[in-house]
Amino acid sequence: MPGPTVGNVSKGSFMRKLDLVLNTAATREKFYDRFKAKNADGTWREKVLDVAADMMPLDAEERAHIGRHWFDPYQSWWPKQQPVDIIVRLGVMQIIELVKSPGGDVRGRTVDCYWLNGVDQVRLTALLSPTQVTAILFTPEIPFSDRIPANFAASAEPEPIFTVRHASRGPGEILVKPVEAFCEVVQPLIPRE
């Protein structure tokens, strides 16, 4: 599974599946309970990847991709940032707690998750409003060999994300419109499902 180009905000299938789990009260609570459960010795009862694979659910290819590229201490895209799974675990638990926190709209808060790569460290940031918790997983760049190939556009579709920046469109993006001199609006591409 190729990753997005550096500096792109993307949703992708993992974040879309996480949105579905976190936007349904029953699955959100079960996800939270499984993430926070510990054994008598204080260790986590279940691995993050096992809970995610079961509840989102992840197919075998997605599970292998996330396990190797995100969480493996030796083969991951970010070995110096390991362990990443604890950041994901505690970050998702924080998101769920924020959904239930006081000050929300009477209809409750929804969750909207994104991934942005190309920063110095792995972190999961949650932005809170009365109607929504927006979660952004920040990660360092992915290795050049695993980025989206230049011919990716033929098998992809645009994500509903729009970025205005200086002109520098690369593989994995399409031009929406030129804005002013040296600027453009671009959209990231994701694989068709």
Protein backbone atom coordinates (compact mmCIF):
# COMPACT_ATOMS: atom_id res chain seq x y z
CA MET A 1 0.00 0.00 0.00
CA PRO A 2 1.72 3.20 -1.08
CA GLY A 3 1.61 6.16 1.25
CA PRO A 4 0.68 9.74 0.41
CA THR A 5 3.14 12.30 -0.84
CA VAL A 6 5.00 14.24 1.84
CA GLY A 7 3.06 16.99 3.59
CA ASN A 8 -0.36 15.87 2.37
CA VAL A 9 -3.37 15.61 4.60
CA SER A 10 -5.23 12.42 3.76
CA LYS A 11 -8.02 10.28 5.06
CA GLY A 12 -7.39 6.94 3.36
CA SER A 13 -9.16 3.71 4.23
CA PHE A 14 -7.69 3.40 7.75
CA MET A 15 -8.94 6.81 8.90
CA ARG A 16 -12.32 6.31 7.18
CA LYS A 17 -12.76 3.03 9.06
CA LEU A 18 -11.67 4.66 12.32
CA ASP A 19 -14.28 7.39 11.72
CA LEU A 20 -17.00 4.74 11.38
CA VAL A 21 -16.02 3.06 14.66
CA LEU A 22 -15.74 6.34 16.58
CA ASN A 23 -18.99 7.81 15.24
CA THR A 24 -21.19 4.96 16.49
CA ALA A 25 -21.71 5.13 20.27
CA ALA A 26 -21.77 1.37 20.89
CA THR A 27 -18.63 0.57 18.89
CA ARG A 28 -16.88 3.68 20.23
CA GLU A 29 -17.44 2.54 23.83
CA LYS A 30 -16.37 -1.03 23.07
CA PHE A 31 -13.25 0.28 21.28
CA TYR A 32 -12.46 2.45 24.32
CA ASP A 33 -13.00 -0.39 26.80
CA ARG A 34 -10.75 -2.72 24.80
CA PHE A 35 -8.04 -0.05 24.39
CA LYS A 36 -7.93 0.79 28.11
CA ALA A 37 -8.17 -2.79 29.48
CA LYS A 38 -5.10 -3.96 31.38
CA ASN A 39 -3.98 -7.26 32.85
CA ALA A 40 -3.37 -7.66 36.59
CA ASP A 41 0.34 -6.96 36.04
CA GLY A 42 -0.43 -3.58 34.41
CA THR A 43 0.30 -4.60 30.83
CA TRP A 44 -2.23 -3.89 28.10
CA ARG A 45 -4.67 -6.75 27.65
CA GLU A 46 -4.83 -6.41 23.84
CA LYS A 47 -2.51 -4.98 21.21
CA VAL A 48 -3.68 -1.85 19.38
CA LEU A 49 -3.41 -3.67 16.06
CA ASP A 50 -5.56 -6.59 17.28
CA VAL A 51 -8.36 -4.28 18.46
CA ALA A 52 -8.21 -2.19 15.27
CA ALA A 53 -8.13 -5.26 13.01
CA ASP A 54 -11.13 -6.78 14.77
CA MET A 55 -13.34 -3.72 15.17
CA MET A 56 -12.66 -1.54 12.14
CA PRO A 57 -12.20 -4.21 10.59
CA LEU A 58 -8.89 -4.38 8.73
CA ASP A 59 -8.37 -6.95 5.99
CA ALA A 60 -5.20 -9.05 5.98
CA GLU A 61 -3.32 -6.65 3.67
CA GLU A 62 -4.24 -3.59 5.76
CA ARG A 63 -3.34 -5.37 8.99
CA ALA A 64 0.05 -6.42 7.62
CA HIS A 65 0.69 -2.90 6.28
CA ILE A 66 -0.17 -1.14 9.56
CA GLY A 67 1.68 -3.75 11.62
CA ARG A 68 4.87 -3.51 9.59
CA HIS A 69 4.96 0.13 8.44
CA TRP A 70 3.53 1.80 11.55
CA PHE A 71 4.17 -0.40 14.59
CA ASP A 72 7.13 -2.73 13.93
CA PRO A 73 10.15 -1.51 15.96
CA TYR A 74 12.63 -2.58 13.26
CA GLN A 75 10.80 -2.46 9.91
CA SER A 76 8.51 0.52 10.43
CA TRP A 77 8.65 3.73 8.46
CA TRP A 78 9.59 5.55 11.67
CA PRO A 79 11.87 3.30 13.77
CA LYS A 80 13.17 6.23 15.83
CA GLN A 81 9.58 7.10 16.80
CA GLN A 82 8.70 3.67 18.22
CA PRO A 83 6.61 2.68 20.01
CA VAL A 84 3.92 4.34 17.85
CA ASP A 85 1.13 2.04 19.07
CA ILE A 86 1.04 3.72 22.51
CA ILE A 87 0.56 7.12 20.86
CA VAL A 88 -2.30 5.71 18.79
CA ARG A 89 -3.81 3.95 21.84
CA LEU A 90 -3.69 6.96 24.16
CA GLY A 91 -4.61 9.37 21.36
CA VAL A 92 -7.73 7.43 20.39
CA MET A 93 -8.70 7.11 24.06
CA GLN A 94 -8.34 10.92 24.36
CA ILE A 95 -10.51 11.44 21.28
CA ILE A 96 -13.25 9.24 22.75
CA GLU A 97 -13.08 11.09 26.07
CA LEU A 98 -13.37 14.42 24.22
CA VAL A 99 -16.46 13.21 22.33
CA LYS A 100 -18.14 12.72 25.72
CA SER A 101 -16.72 15.85 27.39
CA PRO A 102 -19.00 18.69 28.57
CA GLY A 103 -19.82 21.60 26.28
CA GLY A 104 -20.83 19.58 23.28
CA ASP A 105 -23.83 20.15 21.05
CA VAL A 106 -27.04 18.41 22.20
CA ARG A 107 -26.75 16.01 19.23
CA GLY A 108 -23.28 15.01 20.40
CA ARG A 109 -19.91 15.37 18.75
CA THR A 110 -18.81 13.55 15.63
CA VAL A 111 -15.24 12.44 14.95
CA ASP A 112 -13.29 13.22 11.78
CA CYS A 113 -9.78 11.66 11.51
CA TYR A 114 -6.90 12.55 9.17
CA TRP A 115 -3.22 11.70 8.63
CA LEU A 116 -0.53 14.27 7.85
CA ASN A 117 3.00 13.08 7.15
CA GLY A 118 6.21 15.04 6.84
CA VAL A 119 6.65 16.39 10.40
CA ASP A 120 9.39 15.63 12.95
CA GLN A 121 7.58 13.24 15.26
CA VAL A 122 4.56 10.99 15.64
CA ARG A 123 1.70 12.62 17.54
CA LEU A 124 -2.07 12.48 17.51
CA THR A 125 -3.69 15.89 17.92
CA ALA A 126 -7.39 16.42 18.65
CA LEU A 127 -9.20 19.68 17.86
CA LEU A 128 -12.36 20.14 19.90
CA SER A 129 -15.48 22.11 18.96
CA PRO A 130 -19.06 21.86 20.25
CA THR A 131 -20.01 19.65 17.28
CA GLN A 132 -16.87 17.71 16.38
CA VAL A 133 -13.53 16.26 17.40
CA THR A 134 -11.09 16.52 14.51
CA ALA A 135 -8.15 14.15 14.96
CA ILE A 136 -4.90 14.49 13.03
CA LEU A 137 -2.21 11.82 13.17
CA PHE A 138 1.09 13.58 12.43
CA THR A 139 4.01 11.40 11.32
CA PRO A 140 7.45 11.86 9.78
CA GLU A 141 7.90 11.29 6.06
CA ILE A 142 7.50 7.82 4.71
CA PRO A 143 10.49 6.35 2.82
CA PHE A 144 10.76 7.50 -0.78
CA SER A 145 10.40 3.90 -2.04
CA ASP A 146 6.95 3.61 -0.42
CA ARG A 147 5.47 6.87 -1.69
CA ILE A 148 2.76 7.04 -4.30
CA PRO A 149 4.10 6.35 -7.82
CA ALA A 150 3.74 9.01 -10.52
CA ASN A 151 1.20 6.90 -12.48
CA PHE A 152 -1.02 6.45 -9.42
CA ALA A 153 -3.70 8.86 -10.76
CA ALA A 154 -5.03 6.25 -13.20
CA SER A 155 -6.18 4.02 -10.33
CA ALA A 156 -7.22 6.68 -7.83
CA GLU A 157 -9.89 9.22 -7.04
CA PRO A 158 -9.68 12.64 -5.36
CA GLU A 159 -10.21 12.95 -1.61
CA PRO A 160 -12.52 15.77 -0.43
CA ILE A 161 -9.54 17.71 0.93
CA PHE A 162 -8.35 20.97 -0.66
CA THR A 163 -4.98 22.64 -0.07
CA VAL A 164 -3.86 26.09 -1.25
CA ARG A 165 -0.07 26.45 -1.47
CA HIS A 166 2.80 27.54 -3.68
CA ALA A 167 2.83 25.56 -6.92
CA SER A 168 4.63 22.26 -6.38
CA ARG A 169 2.15 19.53 -7.29
CA GLY A 170 3.62 16.05 -7.33
CA PRO A 171 2.59 12.43 -7.72
CA GLY A 172 -0.55 11.53 -5.83
CA GLU A 173 -2.21 14.93 -6.34
CA ILE A 174 -4.40 16.58 -8.95
CA LEU A 175 -4.66 20.27 -9.79
CA VAL A 176 -8.09 21.65 -8.91
CA LYS A 177 -7.44 25.20 -10.14
CA PRO A 178 -4.64 27.73 -10.40
CA VAL A 179 -5.27 30.57 -7.96
CA GLU A 180 -2.75 33.38 -8.38
CA ALA A 181 0.78 33.55 -9.67
CA PHE A 182 2.78 30.63 -8.25
CA CYS A 183 -0.16 29.26 -6.23
CA GLU A 184 -2.52 26.36 -6.79
CA VAL A 185 -5.34 24.40 -5.17
CA VAL A 186 -4.64 20.65 -5.09
CA GLN A 187 -6.40 17.50 -3.93
CA PRO A 188 -4.75 14.27 -2.74
CA LEU A 189 -5.63 11.05 -4.54
CA ILE A 190 -6.56 7.79 -2.81
CA PRO A 191 -6.82 4.26 -4.25
CA ARG A 192 -10.24 3.32 -5.60
CA GLU A 193 -11.95 0.72 -3.43
